[in-house]
Protein backbone atom coordinates (compact mmCIF):
# COMPACT_ATOMS: atom_id res chain seq x y z
CA MET A 1 81.91 30.56 29.39
CA ARG A 2 79.29 28.17 30.53
CA ILE A 3 79.99 26.70 33.92
CA THR A 4 79.16 23.01 33.88
CA ARG A 5 77.42 21.05 36.59
CA ARG A 6 80.90 19.94 37.74
CA GLY A 7 81.86 23.59 38.18
CA GLU A 8 78.67 24.40 40.07
CA TYR A 9 78.96 21.39 42.36
CA GLY A 10 82.68 21.91 42.86
CA LEU A 11 82.16 25.53 43.81
CA ALA A 12 79.41 24.47 46.25
CA ALA A 13 81.74 21.92 47.86
CA VAL A 14 84.55 24.49 48.15
CA LEU A 15 82.19 27.03 49.69
CA TYR A 16 80.93 24.43 52.16
CA LEU A 17 84.47 23.50 53.20
CA ALA A 18 85.47 27.17 53.40
CA SER A 19 82.57 27.78 55.80
CA GLN A 20 83.76 25.07 58.22
CA PRO A 21 85.86 25.90 61.29
CA ASN A 22 89.63 25.68 60.82
CA GLY A 23 90.88 22.16 61.34
CA LYS A 24 87.50 20.48 60.78
CA LEU A 25 87.56 17.57 58.36
CA SER A 26 84.42 16.88 56.35
CA LEU A 27 83.44 13.47 55.03
CA ARG A 28 82.43 13.05 51.41
CA ASP A 29 78.96 11.87 52.45
CA GLU A 30 78.51 14.96 54.62
CA ILE A 31 79.51 17.29 51.77
CA ALA A 32 77.24 15.42 49.34
CA ARG A 33 74.27 15.61 51.70
CA ARG A 34 74.74 19.24 52.71
CA CYS A 35 75.38 20.45 49.14
CA GLY A 36 72.93 18.17 47.31
CA ILE A 37 75.64 16.59 45.16
CA PRO A 38 75.46 12.95 43.99
CA ARG A 39 78.11 10.97 45.92
CA ILE A 40 79.72 9.34 42.89
CA PHE A 41 80.02 12.65 41.03
CA LEU A 42 81.34 14.34 44.17
CA ALA A 43 84.14 11.77 44.43
CA GLN A 44 85.37 12.81 40.96
CA ILE A 45 85.05 16.50 41.81
CA LEU A 46 86.93 16.16 45.10
CA ALA A 47 89.71 14.24 43.32
CA ARG A 48 90.13 17.06 40.78
CA LEU A 49 90.14 19.70 43.51
CA ARG A 50 92.70 17.71 45.48
CA LYS A 51 94.89 17.26 42.41
CA GLY A 52 94.61 21.00 41.74
CA GLY A 53 95.82 21.81 45.25
CA ILE A 54 92.52 23.39 46.30
CA LEU A 55 91.66 20.66 48.82
CA GLY A 56 93.61 18.42 51.11
CA SER A 57 92.48 15.14 52.58
CA VAL A 58 93.23 12.82 55.46
CA ARG A 59 92.59 9.09 55.10
CA GLY A 60 91.22 6.81 57.75
CA LYS A 61 88.33 6.65 60.22
CA LYS A 62 88.91 10.21 61.41
CA GLY A 63 89.75 11.50 57.94
CA GLY A 64 87.99 13.78 55.54
CA TYR A 65 88.49 16.78 53.29
CA TYR A 66 89.57 20.31 54.11
CA LEU A 67 90.21 23.49 52.19
CA ASN A 68 93.92 23.67 51.44
CA ALA A 69 93.93 27.37 50.62
CA GLU A 70 93.00 30.58 52.42
CA PRO A 71 89.52 31.63 51.17
CA GLY A 72 90.73 35.23 50.85
CA ARG A 73 93.46 34.12 48.42
CA LEU A 74 91.50 31.48 46.52
CA SER A 75 89.74 32.84 43.44
CA LEU A 76 86.80 31.58 41.44
CA ALA A 77 89.20 31.14 38.54
CA ASP A 78 91.43 28.89 40.69
CA VAL A 79 88.51 26.60 41.53
CA LEU A 80 87.00 26.54 38.04
CA GLU A 81 90.37 25.90 36.37
CA ALA A 82 91.06 23.00 38.75
CA LEU A 83 87.71 21.50 37.75
CA GLU A 84 87.32 22.45 34.10
CA GLY A 85 90.81 23.24 32.80
CA PRO A 86 91.76 26.57 31.24
CA ILE A 87 88.95 29.09 31.24
CA GLU A 88 87.89 30.08 27.76
CA LEU A 89 85.10 32.60 27.59
CA ILE A 90 85.08 32.26 23.83
CA ARG A 91 86.29 29.60 21.47
CA THR A 92 89.77 30.10 20.16
CA ILE A 93 89.78 32.02 16.90
CA GLU A 94 92.48 30.82 14.58
CA HIS A 95 94.49 33.51 12.92
CA ALA A 96 93.82 33.52 9.21
CA ASP A 97 96.57 33.80 6.66
CA GLU A 98 97.47 37.40 5.96
CA LYS A 99 95.95 37.16 2.47
CA ASP A 100 92.64 35.95 3.96
CA ALA A 101 92.49 38.32 6.94
CA ASP A 102 90.30 41.33 6.53
CA PHE A 103 89.67 44.32 8.73
CA LEU A 104 86.46 42.96 10.29
CA ASN A 105 87.92 39.58 11.22
CA THR A 106 90.98 41.24 12.71
CA ARG A 107 88.81 43.61 14.78
CA VAL A 108 86.57 40.74 15.97
CA ARG A 109 89.61 38.70 17.06
CA GLU A 110 91.01 41.71 18.92
CA PHE A 111 87.66 42.35 20.64
CA PHE A 112 87.25 38.72 21.74
CA GLY A 113 90.85 38.65 22.93
CA ARG A 114 90.18 41.67 25.16
CA LEU A 115 86.91 40.10 26.36
CA GLN A 116 88.76 36.88 27.25
CA THR A 117 91.42 38.80 29.19
CA ARG A 118 88.90 40.92 31.10
CA GLY A 119 86.64 37.97 31.90
CA HIS A 120 89.55 35.92 33.23
CA HIS A 121 90.79 38.89 35.24
CA LEU A 122 87.32 39.27 36.78
CA LEU A 123 87.20 35.60 37.82
CA LYS A 124 90.73 35.87 39.25
CA SER A 125 89.69 38.93 41.28
CA MET A 126 86.63 37.26 42.85
CA MET A 127 87.71 35.45 46.01
CA ILE A 128 85.93 32.55 47.69
CA ALA A 129 85.88 34.55 50.95
CA GLU A 130 83.62 37.11 49.24
CA MET A 131 81.02 34.41 48.63
CA LEU A 132 80.86 33.21 52.23
CA PRO A 133 78.11 34.46 54.54
CA ARG A 134 79.35 37.11 56.89
CA SER A 135 79.48 35.92 60.48
CA GLY A 136 78.58 37.97 63.52
CA GLY A 137 78.22 41.61 62.54
CA SER A 138 75.07 43.66 62.58
CA ALA A 139 71.89 42.71 60.81
CA GLY A 140 71.40 44.48 57.52
CA GLY A 141 75.02 45.64 57.32
CA ASP A 142 75.10 45.19 53.56
CA GLU A 143 72.08 47.35 52.88
CA GLN A 144 72.36 50.93 51.73
């Protein structure tokens, strides 16, 4: 799977919003500036994330965007699927007619099917909270 610019920018916006204090609303211009995302493109991205239930928004002078999901329960797959649609690590391989199917093609389809399943499972297991900088704590806590 190749993550598009929309996926990269959308993930950046989600991470930015996830790093904000609870209850803080962020304006589109603020997100664009802080994440280096073109404003017009960001508007499309935020709309997709809102439609996908990832973000919420409040209209008006004191409005803005907020993360609508708990970062510890929101996966990379959730965000990417809201932005890009179903995740396909490989193109869909059509099943050949039985008379045309041979051992190699069958084995390749099975292998790519397992790869697709494992890749999707990995993205579903990676939570947004894992990507956020750790606050407080001791310096160098991740080193071994």
